[in-house]
Amino acid sequence: MKTYELDEVVQWGFVDFICNVETDAFQDVNKGRPFGFHEMNGDIETKMMNTFKELQTEKIIP
């Protein structure tokens, strides 16, 4: 099994941002569609489970 350092799998800037947000942000994703962001309304549960399966396959998580 390959081992990873925490800094290799964590985006600290995002963690810092998301943990320090003072207000909720509701954002319109339609402005991003002309720039290629078309899959933003997908089934989040399926996407997350697929991501976890990939991480398990790569032995990043148990």
N, C-alpha and C. Protein backbone atom coordinates (compact mmCIF):
# COMPACT_ATOMS: atom_id res chain seq x y z
N MET A 1 0.84 -1.17 0.00
CA MET A 1 0.00 0.00 0.00
C MET A 1 0.89 1.23 0.00
N LYS A 2 0.55 2.18 -0.86
CA LYS A 2 1.28 3.44 -0.92
C LYS A 2 0.82 4.34 0.22
N THR A 3 1.75 4.99 0.88
CA THR A 3 1.38 5.92 1.94
C THR A 3 1.48 7.35 1.42
N TYR A 4 0.68 8.20 1.97
CA TYR A 4 0.62 9.59 1.56
C TYR A 4 0.81 10.48 2.78
N GLU A 5 1.48 11.58 2.58
CA GLU A 5 1.55 12.61 3.60
C GLU A 5 0.25 13.40 3.56
N LEU A 6 -0.18 13.90 4.70
CA LEU A 6 -1.44 14.63 4.75
C LEU A 6 -1.44 15.81 3.79
N ASP A 7 -0.34 16.49 3.65
CA ASP A 7 -0.26 17.64 2.74
C ASP A 7 -0.46 17.25 1.28
N GLU A 8 -0.30 15.97 0.95
CA GLU A 8 -0.50 15.52 -0.43
C GLU A 8 -1.98 15.33 -0.77
N VAL A 9 -2.82 15.16 0.23
CA VAL A 9 -4.23 14.86 -0.05
C VAL A 9 -5.19 15.92 0.47
N VAL A 10 -4.68 16.96 1.12
CA VAL A 10 -5.53 18.01 1.69
C VAL A 10 -5.22 19.33 1.01
N GLN A 11 -6.25 20.04 0.65
CA GLN A 11 -6.12 21.40 0.11
C GLN A 11 -6.34 22.36 1.28
N TRP A 12 -5.27 22.75 1.96
CA TRP A 12 -5.38 23.54 3.18
C TRP A 12 -6.04 24.88 2.95
N GLY A 13 -5.81 25.50 1.81
CA GLY A 13 -6.45 26.79 1.53
C GLY A 13 -7.96 26.68 1.53
N PHE A 14 -8.48 25.59 0.95
CA PHE A 14 -9.92 25.37 0.92
C PHE A 14 -10.45 25.09 2.32
N VAL A 15 -9.74 24.26 3.07
CA VAL A 15 -10.16 23.95 4.45
C VAL A 15 -10.21 25.23 5.27
N ASP A 16 -9.19 26.05 5.15
CA ASP A 16 -9.16 27.30 5.90
C ASP A 16 -10.33 28.20 5.50
N PHE A 17 -10.59 28.29 4.21
CA PHE A 17 -11.70 29.11 3.74
C PHE A 17 -13.04 28.60 4.25
N ILE A 18 -13.30 27.32 4.06
CA ILE A 18 -14.62 26.77 4.38
C ILE A 18 -14.88 26.77 5.88
N CYS A 19 -13.83 26.68 6.68
CA CYS A 19 -14.01 26.69 8.14
C CYS A 19 -14.14 28.10 8.70
N ASN A 20 -13.87 29.09 7.90
CA ASN A 20 -13.93 30.47 8.37
C ASN A 20 -15.00 31.31 7.68
N VAL A 21 -15.92 30.68 6.97
CA VAL A 21 -17.00 31.41 6.31
C VAL A 21 -17.99 31.87 7.38
N GLU A 22 -18.28 33.15 7.37
CA GLU A 22 -19.17 33.70 8.40
C GLU A 22 -20.63 33.67 7.99
N THR A 23 -20.91 33.61 6.69
CA THR A 23 -22.29 33.58 6.22
C THR A 23 -22.42 32.52 5.14
N ASP A 24 -23.63 32.00 4.99
CA ASP A 24 -23.89 31.05 3.90
C ASP A 24 -23.91 31.81 2.58
N ALA A 25 -23.46 31.14 1.52
CA ALA A 25 -23.45 31.77 0.21
C ALA A 25 -24.28 30.92 -0.76
N PHE A 26 -25.31 31.51 -1.28
CA PHE A 26 -26.10 30.86 -2.32
C PHE A 26 -25.63 31.46 -3.63
N GLN A 27 -25.14 30.63 -4.52
CA GLN A 27 -24.57 31.16 -5.75
C GLN A 27 -25.23 30.56 -6.96
N ASP A 28 -25.33 31.34 -7.99
CA ASP A 28 -25.92 30.92 -9.25
C ASP A 28 -24.82 30.33 -10.13
N VAL A 29 -24.96 29.06 -10.49
CA VAL A 29 -23.94 28.40 -11.30
C VAL A 29 -24.13 28.63 -12.79
N ASN A 30 -25.22 29.28 -13.17
CA ASN A 30 -25.48 29.48 -14.60
C ASN A 30 -24.42 30.34 -15.27
N LYS A 31 -23.79 31.25 -14.56
CA LYS A 31 -22.75 32.08 -15.15
C LYS A 31 -21.54 31.26 -15.53
N GLY A 32 -21.34 30.12 -14.90
CA GLY A 32 -20.18 29.28 -15.20
C GLY A 32 -20.37 28.38 -16.42
N ARG A 33 -21.60 28.17 -16.83
CA ARG A 33 -21.87 27.26 -17.96
C ARG A 33 -21.16 27.67 -19.26
N PRO A 34 -21.11 28.96 -19.63
CA PRO A 34 -20.39 29.31 -20.86
C PRO A 34 -18.90 29.00 -20.80
N PHE A 35 -18.39 28.78 -19.59
CA PHE A 35 -16.96 28.49 -19.43
C PHE A 35 -16.68 27.00 -19.26
N GLY A 36 -17.70 26.16 -19.50
CA GLY A 36 -17.49 24.72 -19.50
C GLY A 36 -17.93 23.99 -18.25
N PHE A 37 -18.51 24.67 -17.29
CA PHE A 37 -18.96 24.01 -16.07
C PHE A 37 -20.41 23.54 -16.25
N HIS A 38 -20.55 22.37 -16.90
CA HIS A 38 -21.88 21.89 -17.24
C HIS A 38 -22.41 20.82 -16.29
N GLU A 39 -21.54 20.20 -15.52
CA GLU A 39 -21.97 19.08 -14.68
C GLU A 39 -22.15 19.49 -13.23
N MET A 40 -22.60 20.69 -12.99
CA MET A 40 -22.69 21.19 -11.63
C MET A 40 -24.00 20.83 -10.94
N ASN A 41 -24.96 20.28 -11.64
CA ASN A 41 -26.24 19.92 -11.03
C ASN A 41 -26.43 18.42 -10.96
N GLY A 42 -25.35 17.67 -10.93
CA GLY A 42 -25.45 16.21 -10.91
C GLY A 42 -25.86 15.68 -9.56
N ASP A 43 -25.97 14.39 -9.48
CA ASP A 43 -26.33 13.68 -8.26
C ASP A 43 -25.12 13.68 -7.33
N ILE A 44 -25.12 14.54 -6.33
CA ILE A 44 -23.96 14.71 -5.46
C ILE A 44 -23.64 13.44 -4.68
N GLU A 45 -24.66 12.69 -4.27
CA GLU A 45 -24.40 11.46 -3.51
C GLU A 45 -23.64 10.45 -4.37
N THR A 46 -24.05 10.27 -5.62
CA THR A 46 -23.36 9.34 -6.52
C THR A 46 -21.94 9.82 -6.78
N LYS A 47 -21.76 11.12 -7.01
CA LYS A 47 -20.42 11.64 -7.27
C LYS A 47 -19.51 11.44 -6.07
N MET A 48 -20.02 11.68 -4.87
CA MET A 48 -19.20 11.50 -3.67
C MET A 48 -18.83 10.03 -3.47
N MET A 49 -19.79 9.14 -3.67
CA MET A 49 -19.50 7.71 -3.50
C MET A 49 -18.48 7.24 -4.53
N ASN A 50 -18.58 7.73 -5.76
CA ASN A 50 -17.59 7.37 -6.78
C ASN A 50 -16.21 7.89 -6.41
N THR A 51 -16.16 9.09 -5.85
CA THR A 51 -14.87 9.64 -5.42
C THR A 51 -14.29 8.80 -4.29
N PHE A 52 -15.11 8.42 -3.32
CA PHE A 52 -14.62 7.58 -2.22
C PHE A 52 -14.12 6.23 -2.74
N LYS A 53 -14.81 5.65 -3.70
CA LYS A 53 -14.37 4.38 -4.28
C LYS A 53 -13.03 4.53 -4.97
N GLU A 54 -12.83 5.64 -5.69
CA GLU A 54 -11.54 5.90 -6.33
C GLU A 54 -10.43 6.04 -5.29
N LEU A 55 -10.73 6.75 -4.21
CA LEU A 55 -9.73 6.92 -3.15
C LEU A 55 -9.41 5.59 -2.48
N GLN A 56 -10.40 4.72 -2.34
CA GLN A 56 -10.15 3.38 -1.79
C GLN A 56 -9.31 2.54 -2.75
N THR A 57 -9.62 2.60 -4.03
CA THR A 57 -8.87 1.85 -5.03
C THR A 57 -7.41 2.26 -5.02
N GLU A 58 -7.17 3.56 -4.85
CA GLU A 58 -5.80 4.08 -4.81
C GLU A 58 -5.15 3.91 -3.43
N LYS A 59 -5.89 3.28 -2.50
CA LYS A 59 -5.40 3.04 -1.13
C LYS A 59 -5.08 4.33 -0.40
N ILE A 60 -5.80 5.39 -0.71
CA ILE A 60 -5.62 6.65 -0.01
C ILE A 60 -6.45 6.66 1.27
N ILE A 61 -7.64 6.02 1.20
CA ILE A 61 -8.48 5.86 2.38
C ILE A 61 -8.78 4.37 2.53
N PRO A 62 -9.11 3.94 3.76
CA PRO A 62 -9.41 2.50 3.96
C PRO A 62 -10.76 2.09 3.39
